[in-house]
Amino acid sequence: MKKISTSLLLVLFVSVSAFCQIEEKIKKEGVVPGVIFDGEKEIEGYFKRTGTAYSDGKAFDAPWQFQDKMKFIEKDVFAKAEKIKNKLYESYEAKNCSGFRYDTLTYASVKYADMSAVGMDMLPKKMFMRVVSEDKISLFHYFDSPPSVVSGPEGFEPYYIDCAKPNLVYRVGEEGKLKLVNDMNITKELADCPMVVEKQEKGEYQVVESNEEASGGNKFLNNMMFKEQVRIMAIEDYNANCE
């Protein structure tokens, strides 16, 4: 019994020691635990830390960086390598996998055309997009990218701040086209759910509420001033109550 207890303690000590070494290595190399999704397969490992941009000594959130190429090293390779060299990292683009999880954030590989942009961004292209929710109508966050060159005394700061604000995008079903929630035509696109269409036509999706039946002015205010919020209400209703 004493031998068994000693053996268990030894195993526990070795396990804790190995865990501490890995944690120290993670901190030293500046990596973040994550998973690459390759269809049904999940590959565990670590990402090179990303998501931060700098301007004039200031740090800014840079969520647009996750939409492009990601540097990833598999868990076993990381654990066995005495020194982590750049060549040990693999570059993953949206065309190479179905998505990834970076710490607690999940991203899906999608095709999207930013119709609000000017130039090449208007063309559909594969990218990673942050998943907000997955359902009959799924929601994602898309982030604009800052320009590569700017002029003026403020530098990149206003661009970084503006580009860190998410654009809410939706997709109907698995194969639907991704579009801005703000542009959704509820009566046409959700016509397969009469209940949602009827509530929209009656002005029942209200951000600005009224104790009386929705007036024409109230409908206009909700649908023009609070377009996105009204459409989110319709999407939530659709996901909860429609087939």
Protein backbone atom coordinates (compact mmCIF):
# COMPACT_ATOMS: atom_id res chain seq x y z
CA MET A 1 0.00 0.00 0.00
CA LYS A 2 2.87 2.31 0.90
CA LYS A 3 4.58 1.53 -2.43
CA ILE A 4 1.39 2.33 -4.33
CA SER A 5 1.01 5.65 -2.51
CA THR A 6 4.63 6.55 -3.25
CA SER A 7 4.17 5.67 -6.92
CA LEU A 8 1.02 7.78 -7.17
CA LEU A 9 2.78 10.72 -5.56
CA LEU A 10 5.67 10.35 -8.00
CA VAL A 11 3.31 10.28 -11.00
CA LEU A 12 1.47 13.31 -9.64
CA PHE A 13 4.74 15.19 -9.12
CA VAL A 14 5.93 14.42 -12.66
CA SER A 15 2.55 15.49 -14.12
CA VAL A 16 2.50 18.78 -12.20
CA SER A 17 6.12 19.46 -13.13
CA ALA A 18 5.42 18.82 -16.84
CA PHE A 19 2.34 21.06 -16.71
CA CYS A 20 4.32 23.89 -15.10
CA GLN A 21 7.03 23.57 -17.75
CA ILE A 22 4.46 23.81 -20.56
CA GLU A 23 2.81 26.83 -18.93
CA GLU A 24 6.18 28.55 -18.63
CA LYS A 25 6.96 27.73 -22.25
CA ILE A 26 3.59 29.14 -23.39
CA LYS A 27 4.32 32.37 -21.53
CA LYS A 28 7.86 32.61 -22.87
CA GLU A 29 6.90 32.01 -26.51
CA GLY A 30 3.87 34.31 -26.40
CA VAL A 31 1.42 31.75 -27.76
CA VAL A 32 -2.29 31.18 -27.12
CA PRO A 33 -3.92 27.72 -26.77
CA GLY A 34 -6.31 26.88 -29.56
CA VAL A 35 -7.71 24.38 -32.03
CA ILE A 36 -7.76 24.15 -35.83
CA PHE A 37 -11.00 22.73 -37.23
CA ASP A 38 -10.40 20.54 -40.28
CA GLY A 39 -13.87 19.28 -41.11
CA GLU A 40 -14.81 16.95 -38.24
CA LYS A 41 -11.19 16.77 -37.08
CA GLU A 42 -9.82 19.02 -34.31
CA ILE A 43 -6.08 19.72 -34.13
CA GLU A 44 -4.91 21.00 -30.75
CA GLY A 45 -2.02 23.39 -30.47
CA TYR A 46 -1.01 27.02 -30.05
CA PHE A 47 -1.39 30.20 -32.08
CA LYS A 48 1.12 33.00 -32.31
CA ARG A 49 -0.45 35.78 -30.29
CA THR A 50 -2.28 38.28 -32.49
CA GLY A 51 -5.09 40.81 -32.29
CA THR A 52 -3.10 43.89 -31.21
CA ALA A 53 -1.95 46.87 -33.29
CA TYR A 54 0.38 49.66 -32.19
CA SER A 55 0.56 53.36 -33.03
CA ASP A 56 2.79 55.96 -31.36
CA GLY A 57 3.50 53.66 -28.43
CA LYS A 58 -0.19 52.88 -27.83
CA ALA A 59 -1.75 49.42 -28.09
CA PHE A 60 -5.13 48.90 -29.78
CA ASP A 61 -7.41 45.91 -30.22
CA ALA A 62 -7.04 44.64 -33.78
CA PRO A 63 -9.79 42.02 -34.32
CA TRP A 64 -9.42 42.26 -38.12
CA GLN A 65 -6.09 40.41 -37.81
CA PHE A 66 -7.97 37.18 -37.04
CA GLN A 67 -9.72 37.27 -40.43
CA ASP A 68 -6.54 36.59 -42.38
CA LYS A 69 -3.66 34.14 -42.05
CA MET A 70 -3.03 32.46 -38.66
CA LYS A 71 0.26 30.99 -37.44
CA PHE A 72 -0.25 27.67 -35.61
CA ILE A 73 1.96 25.00 -34.05
CA GLU A 74 0.63 21.58 -33.09
CA LYS A 75 0.58 20.63 -29.42
CA ASP A 76 3.02 17.70 -29.68
CA VAL A 77 5.49 19.66 -31.81
CA PHE A 78 5.42 22.53 -29.29
CA ALA A 79 5.95 20.19 -26.33
CA LYS A 80 8.87 18.28 -27.88
CA ALA A 81 10.81 21.19 -29.42
CA GLU A 82 13.59 22.56 -27.22
CA LYS A 83 13.52 25.84 -29.12
CA ILE A 84 10.45 27.13 -30.95
CA LYS A 85 11.55 28.38 -34.36
CA ASN A 86 9.38 30.18 -36.90
CA LYS A 87 9.64 27.26 -39.34
CA LEU A 88 7.76 25.06 -36.85
CA TYR A 89 4.63 27.17 -37.27
CA GLU A 90 2.18 26.40 -40.06
CA SER A 91 0.22 29.15 -41.80
CA TYR A 92 -3.52 28.53 -41.99
CA GLU A 93 -5.79 30.49 -44.29
CA ALA A 94 -9.57 30.17 -44.60
CA LYS A 95 -9.12 27.98 -47.69
CA ASN A 96 -7.01 25.47 -45.70
CA CYS A 97 -9.46 24.59 -42.90
CA SER A 98 -13.04 25.02 -41.71
CA GLY A 99 -12.16 27.39 -38.86
CA PHE A 100 -10.39 27.65 -35.53
CA ARG A 101 -10.78 28.42 -31.85
CA TYR A 102 -8.37 30.98 -30.40
CA ASP A 103 -8.60 30.84 -26.60
CA THR A 104 -12.38 31.31 -26.09
CA LEU A 105 -13.15 32.86 -29.51
CA THR A 106 -14.44 30.70 -32.37
CA TYR A 107 -13.96 31.56 -36.05
CA ALA A 108 -15.48 29.94 -39.13
CA SER A 109 -14.11 29.79 -42.65
CA VAL A 110 -16.63 31.64 -44.84
CA LYS A 111 -16.91 33.47 -48.15
CA TYR A 112 -17.95 37.11 -47.84
CA ALA A 113 -18.20 40.20 -50.02
CA ASP A 114 -18.27 43.54 -48.21
CA MET A 115 -20.75 45.42 -50.39
CA SER A 116 -20.36 48.57 -48.28
CA ALA A 117 -16.69 48.83 -49.26
CA VAL A 118 -15.07 50.25 -52.37
CA GLY A 119 -12.67 48.27 -54.55
CA MET A 120 -11.45 44.69 -54.12
CA ASP A 121 -13.31 44.11 -50.84
CA MET A 122 -16.56 44.07 -52.85
CA LEU A 123 -15.46 40.79 -54.45
CA PRO A 124 -16.32 37.58 -52.52
CA LYS A 125 -13.32 36.05 -50.80
CA LYS A 126 -12.60 33.37 -48.24
CA MET A 127 -11.85 34.62 -44.75
CA PHE A 128 -12.16 33.71 -41.11
CA MET A 129 -15.12 35.34 -39.38
CA ARG A 130 -15.87 35.43 -35.66
CA VAL A 131 -18.89 33.30 -34.73
CA VAL A 132 -21.49 35.04 -32.55
CA SER A 133 -24.14 32.30 -32.65
CA GLU A 134 -24.94 29.24 -34.76
CA ASP A 135 -28.58 28.43 -35.48
CA LYS A 136 -31.07 28.36 -38.36
CA ILE A 137 -29.91 31.93 -38.88
CA SER A 138 -26.30 32.25 -37.73
CA LEU A 139 -24.62 35.50 -36.72
CA PHE A 140 -21.01 36.59 -37.19
CA HIS A 141 -18.82 39.61 -36.56
CA TYR A 142 -16.95 41.08 -39.51
CA PHE A 143 -14.31 43.79 -39.02
CA ASP A 144 -13.08 46.32 -41.56
CA SER A 145 -9.31 46.51 -42.04
CA PRO A 146 -7.40 49.79 -41.63
CA PRO A 147 -5.49 51.27 -44.58
CA SER A 148 -1.83 50.33 -44.91
CA VAL A 149 -0.78 53.99 -45.25
CA VAL A 150 -2.30 57.07 -43.60
CA SER A 151 -1.54 60.79 -43.49
CA GLY A 152 -2.20 63.44 -40.88
CA PRO A 153 -1.07 64.05 -37.30
CA GLU A 154 -3.45 61.50 -35.75
CA GLY A 155 -1.82 58.62 -37.61
CA PHE A 156 -3.45 55.19 -37.43
CA GLU A 157 -5.24 55.73 -34.10
CA PRO A 158 -8.69 56.79 -35.42
CA TYR A 159 -8.62 53.99 -38.01
CA TYR A 160 -7.73 51.36 -35.41
CA ILE A 161 -10.51 52.56 -33.12
CA ASP A 162 -13.09 52.58 -35.93
CA CYS A 163 -12.07 49.20 -37.36
CA ALA A 164 -12.37 47.53 -33.94
CA LYS A 165 -16.15 48.06 -34.10
CA PRO A 166 -17.89 44.90 -35.36
CA ASN A 167 -20.29 44.68 -38.29
CA LEU A 168 -23.01 42.12 -37.56
CA VAL A 169 -23.44 39.63 -40.41
CA TYR A 170 -26.03 36.86 -40.81
CA ARG A 171 -26.41 33.65 -42.81
CA VAL A 172 -29.65 31.74 -43.37
CA GLY A 173 -28.91 28.01 -43.19
CA GLU A 174 -25.52 26.42 -43.86
CA GLU A 175 -25.24 27.49 -47.49
CA GLY A 176 -26.82 30.94 -47.38
CA LYS A 177 -25.03 34.09 -48.51
CA LEU A 178 -23.53 36.21 -45.75
CA LYS A 179 -25.01 39.71 -45.55
CA LEU A 180 -25.11 42.61 -43.13
CA VAL A 181 -27.95 42.28 -40.62
CA ASN A 182 -28.71 45.95 -41.24
CA ASP A 183 -29.59 45.11 -44.87
CA MET A 184 -31.97 42.21 -44.14
CA ASN A 185 -35.38 42.39 -45.83
CA ILE A 186 -37.45 40.56 -43.21
CA THR A 187 -40.64 40.11 -45.26
CA LYS A 188 -38.79 38.64 -48.27
CA GLU A 189 -35.95 36.69 -46.68
CA LEU A 190 -37.96 35.21 -43.82
CA ALA A 191 -41.11 34.60 -45.87
CA ASP A 192 -41.04 30.89 -44.93
CA CYS A 193 -42.05 31.95 -41.39
CA PRO A 194 -45.40 33.80 -41.67
CA MET A 195 -45.45 34.58 -37.94
CA VAL A 196 -42.26 36.66 -38.15
CA VAL A 197 -43.42 38.42 -41.33
CA GLU A 198 -46.78 39.25 -39.75
CA LYS A 199 -45.13 40.66 -36.62
CA GLN A 200 -42.82 42.77 -38.77
CA GLU A 201 -45.70 44.12 -40.86
CA LYS A 202 -47.64 45.00 -37.70
CA GLY A 203 -44.60 46.76 -36.24
CA GLU A 204 -44.39 44.41 -33.25
CA TYR A 205 -40.58 44.34 -33.28
CA GLN A 206 -40.08 47.54 -31.32
CA VAL A 207 -37.02 49.17 -29.81
CA VAL A 208 -39.03 52.33 -29.20
CA GLU A 209 -42.11 50.83 -27.54
CA SER A 210 -45.64 52.19 -27.42
CA ASN A 211 -48.56 51.20 -25.21
CA GLU A 212 -50.83 51.51 -28.23
CA GLU A 213 -50.85 49.50 -31.43
CA ALA A 214 -47.78 50.44 -33.45
CA SER A 215 -48.44 53.63 -35.38
CA GLY A 216 -47.00 54.40 -38.81
CA GLY A 217 -44.55 56.83 -37.22
CA ASN A 218 -43.47 54.27 -34.66
CA LYS A 219 -42.92 51.62 -37.33
CA PHE A 220 -40.84 54.06 -39.36
CA LEU A 221 -38.75 55.04 -36.34
CA ASN A 222 -38.04 51.43 -35.38
CA ASN A 223 -37.27 50.30 -38.92
CA MET A 224 -35.09 53.28 -39.84
CA MET A 225 -33.40 54.42 -36.63
CA PHE A 226 -33.06 50.96 -35.07
CA LYS A 227 -32.83 48.74 -38.15
CA GLU A 228 -30.23 46.36 -36.77
CA GLN A 229 -31.92 45.91 -33.37
CA VAL A 230 -35.30 45.22 -35.03
CA ARG A 231 -33.71 42.64 -37.32
CA ILE A 232 -31.97 40.95 -34.41
CA MET A 233 -35.38 40.60 -32.70
CA ALA A 234 -36.80 39.02 -35.87
CA ILE A 235 -33.82 36.65 -36.16
CA GLU A 236 -34.16 35.55 -32.53
CA ASP A 237 -37.89 34.97 -33.07
CA TYR A 238 -37.21 32.98 -36.24
CA ASN A 239 -34.59 30.79 -34.56
CA ALA A 240 -36.84 30.09 -31.58
CA ASN A 241 -40.15 29.48 -33.36
CA CYS A 242 -39.69 28.65 -37.04
CA GLU A 243 -38.73 25.42 -38.78
